[in-house]
Amino acid sequence: MKTIASTALPARVQQPRYDRAQLRSRIVHFGFGAFHRAHQALLTNRVLNEKGGDWGICEISLFSGDVLMSQLRAQDHLFTVLEKGAEGNEAIIVGAVHECLNAKLDSLPA
């Protein structure tokens, strides 16, 4: 599998401009659905790009999502949001998520 973390990306793809190693779990989100990825995580990513900080997101999934969480971990918690508009498309690598916990993968009681 090719991962975002190990792939040379075109210059037109927006990448995090902040030091992801400095992120801490200051935001905890239960569930890792598409709405959260495309809105809350994307907005956190934009704030980190503009203002900096260490406000990382920890995703928690108690009852499902083990496949998605496995994929997220394999990608170093990076994922892409594609914004489509009349003037063109914009690909954004979101790096605000820095940790995830899953009841099944991490043998945690729900």
Protein backbone atom coordinates (compact mmCIF):
# COMPACT_ATOMS: atom_id res chain seq x y z
CA MET A 1 0.00 0.00 0.00
CA LYS A 2 1.26 3.48 -0.85
CA THR A 3 0.84 5.79 2.10
CA ILE A 4 0.55 9.55 2.15
CA ALA A 5 3.40 9.69 4.63
CA SER A 6 5.81 7.94 2.24
CA THR A 7 4.68 9.44 -1.07
CA ALA A 8 6.11 12.49 -2.82
CA LEU A 9 3.10 14.71 -3.39
CA PRO A 10 2.59 17.30 -6.13
CA ALA A 11 3.13 20.92 -5.04
CA ARG A 12 -0.56 21.72 -5.60
CA VAL A 13 -1.56 19.40 -2.72
CA GLN A 14 -1.77 21.38 0.51
CA GLN A 15 0.23 19.75 3.28
CA PRO A 16 0.39 20.60 6.99
CA ARG A 17 2.73 23.53 7.60
CA TYR A 18 2.98 22.87 11.33
CA ASP A 19 5.13 20.47 13.30
CA ARG A 20 2.92 17.42 13.82
CA ALA A 21 5.38 16.04 16.38
CA GLN A 22 4.31 18.86 18.71
CA LEU A 23 0.60 17.89 18.66
CA ARG A 24 -1.01 16.69 21.89
CA SER A 25 -4.45 15.16 22.45
CA ARG A 26 -6.28 18.34 23.36
CA ILE A 27 -9.43 17.44 21.41
CA VAL A 28 -11.14 14.07 21.79
CA HIS A 29 -13.73 13.06 19.21
CA PHE A 30 -15.92 9.96 19.43
CA GLY A 31 -16.41 8.44 16.00
CA PHE A 32 -14.46 9.12 12.84
CA GLY A 33 -17.13 9.76 10.26
CA ALA A 34 -16.89 11.67 7.01
CA PHE A 35 -18.60 14.77 8.44
CA HIS A 36 -16.00 15.07 11.18
CA ARG A 37 -13.12 14.51 8.76
CA ALA A 38 -14.39 17.06 6.23
CA HIS A 39 -15.41 19.73 8.73
CA GLN A 40 -14.08 19.61 12.29
CA ALA A 41 -10.71 18.00 11.55
CA LEU A 42 -10.28 20.15 8.43
CA LEU A 43 -11.02 23.35 10.37
CA THR A 44 -8.59 22.34 13.14
CA ASN A 45 -5.98 21.71 10.43
CA ARG A 46 -6.55 25.19 8.98
CA VAL A 47 -6.22 26.86 12.38
CA LEU A 48 -2.98 24.96 13.04
CA ASN A 49 -1.65 26.05 9.63
CA GLU A 50 -2.53 29.70 10.28
CA LYS A 51 -1.87 30.10 14.01
CA GLY A 52 0.20 27.09 15.04
CA GLY A 53 -0.34 25.35 18.35
CA ASP A 54 -0.39 21.84 19.71
CA TRP A 55 -4.12 21.09 19.55
CA GLY A 56 -4.15 17.56 18.15
CA ILE A 57 -7.22 15.36 17.79
CA CYS A 58 -7.56 11.90 19.33
CA GLU A 59 -10.21 9.84 17.55
CA ILE A 60 -12.04 7.24 19.63
CA SER A 61 -14.22 4.47 18.22
CA LEU A 62 -15.87 2.14 20.70
CA PHE A 63 -18.14 -0.13 18.67
CA SER A 64 -16.92 -0.15 15.07
CA GLY A 65 -14.43 1.56 12.81
CA ASP A 66 -11.56 -0.87 13.32
CA VAL A 67 -10.86 -1.06 9.57
CA LEU A 68 -10.90 2.72 9.21
CA MET A 69 -8.70 3.15 12.29
CA SER A 70 -6.22 0.58 10.93
CA GLN A 71 -6.05 2.51 7.66
CA LEU A 72 -5.62 5.77 9.55
CA ARG A 73 -2.72 4.36 11.56
CA ALA A 74 -1.06 3.02 8.39
CA GLN A 75 -1.22 6.57 6.97
CA ASP A 76 0.42 8.11 10.07
CA HIS A 77 -3.04 9.53 10.89
CA LEU A 78 -3.02 11.60 7.69
CA PHE A 79 -5.93 11.74 5.27
CA THR A 80 -6.99 13.82 2.27
CA VAL A 81 -10.01 16.06 1.89
CA LEU A 82 -10.90 17.02 -1.68
CA GLU A 83 -12.76 20.32 -1.97
CA LYS A 84 -14.59 20.69 -5.28
CA GLY A 85 -15.55 24.13 -6.53
CA ALA A 86 -16.51 26.04 -9.64
CA GLU A 87 -12.94 27.29 -9.99
CA GLY A 88 -11.36 23.87 -9.57
CA ASN A 89 -10.55 21.22 -7.02
CA GLU A 90 -8.25 21.47 -4.03
CA ALA A 91 -6.65 18.50 -2.25
CA ILE A 92 -5.76 19.07 1.40
CA ILE A 93 -3.76 16.69 3.57
CA VAL A 94 -5.19 16.90 7.09
CA GLY A 95 -2.64 16.33 9.83
CA ALA A 96 -4.58 17.48 12.91
CA VAL A 97 -5.41 13.91 13.93
CA HIS A 98 -2.41 12.46 15.71
CA GLU A 99 -3.84 9.56 17.70
CA CYS A 100 -6.71 7.08 17.56
CA LEU A 101 -8.10 4.51 19.94
CA ASN A 102 -10.38 1.65 18.98
CA ALA A 103 -11.96 -0.77 21.43
CA LYS A 104 -11.35 -3.79 19.19
CA LEU A 105 -7.85 -2.93 17.98
CA ASP A 106 -6.59 -1.77 21.35
CA SER A 107 -8.41 -4.40 23.47
CA LEU A 108 -10.28 -1.72 25.39
CA PRO A 109 -13.59 -2.37 27.17
CA ALA A 110 -16.39 -0.34 25.58
